[in-house]
Protein backbone atom coordinates (compact mmCIF):
# COMPACT_ATOMS: atom_id res chain seq x y z
CA UNK A 1 119.48 27.22 93.70
CA UNK A 2 121.21 28.76 96.72
CA UNK A 3 124.73 30.03 96.28
CA UNK A 4 127.35 29.37 98.95
CA UNK A 5 130.65 30.94 99.97
CA UNK A 6 133.39 29.89 102.41
CA UNK A 7 134.76 31.99 105.26
CA UNK A 8 138.54 32.37 104.81
CA UNK A 9 141.19 32.17 107.54
CA UNK A 10 141.20 36.01 107.49
CA UNK A 11 137.41 35.98 108.14
CA UNK A 12 136.61 37.20 104.63
CA UNK A 13 133.84 36.02 102.30
CA UNK A 14 133.71 36.58 98.55
CA UNK A 15 130.22 37.36 97.33
CA UNK A 16 129.44 35.11 94.36
CA UNK A 17 129.32 36.86 90.99
CA UNK A 18 125.72 35.80 90.32
CA UNK A 19 124.58 37.50 93.55
CA UNK A 20 126.61 40.68 92.89
CA UNK A 21 125.20 40.99 89.39
CA UNK A 22 121.59 40.31 90.40
CA UNK A 23 121.73 42.90 93.21
CA UNK A 24 123.91 45.38 91.24
CA UNK A 25 126.55 45.51 93.97
CA UNK A 26 129.81 47.28 93.09
CA UNK A 27 133.36 47.13 94.43
CA UNK A 28 133.88 49.67 97.23
CA UNK A 29 130.20 49.69 98.22
CA UNK A 30 129.63 49.91 101.99
CA UNK A 31 127.47 47.34 103.82
CA UNK A 32 125.86 47.02 107.24
CA UNK A 33 125.67 43.70 109.12
CA UNK A 34 122.65 43.09 111.36
CA UNK A 35 122.75 40.01 113.64
CA UNK A 36 119.59 37.87 113.29
CA UNK A 37 119.25 34.79 115.54
CA UNK A 38 121.97 32.42 114.29
CA UNK A 39 122.66 34.35 111.08
CA UNK A 40 123.27 37.84 109.82
CA UNK A 41 121.43 40.21 107.48
CA UNK A 42 123.81 42.05 105.15
CA UNK A 43 122.49 45.14 103.38
CA UNK A 44 124.12 47.93 101.39
CA UNK A 45 124.26 51.27 103.19
CA UNK A 46 122.02 53.64 101.17
CA UNK A 47 123.45 56.75 99.59
CA UNK A 48 122.08 60.09 100.82
CA UNK A 49 120.24 60.76 97.54
CA UNK A 50 118.46 57.38 97.85
CA UNK A 51 116.93 58.55 101.15
CA UNK A 52 115.39 61.70 99.65
CA UNK A 53 111.63 61.67 100.21
CA UNK A 54 111.63 58.61 102.49
CA UNK A 55 109.65 60.45 105.18
CA UNK A 56 107.15 62.04 102.81
CA UNK A 57 103.83 62.40 104.59
CA UNK A 58 105.30 61.90 108.08
CA UNK A 59 103.70 63.87 110.89
CA UNK A 60 105.77 66.86 111.99
CA UNK A 61 103.94 67.23 115.31
CA UNK A 62 102.63 64.88 117.97
CA UNK A 63 105.24 62.15 117.53
CA UNK A 64 107.12 60.10 120.13
CA UNK A 65 110.66 61.15 120.87
CA UNK A 66 113.43 59.20 122.61
CA UNK A 67 112.62 61.19 125.76
CA UNK A 68 109.09 59.71 125.75
CA UNK A 69 110.22 56.08 125.87
CA UNK A 70 111.25 55.74 129.52
């Protein structure tokens, strides 16, 4: 069953406890908001140690750079 929350007059939303517990979100955690059509995608900002090894196997040569796009 979907969980809902209400936007306050200060434009704040409390994340329901069931959602926080399921996703293991903690107080003080930083989030990023990505606009998507008529909604928004909210995701926790990863910690540096969580990004270790994310590019394993990536090519070090012959890749497109920002200068190649235009």
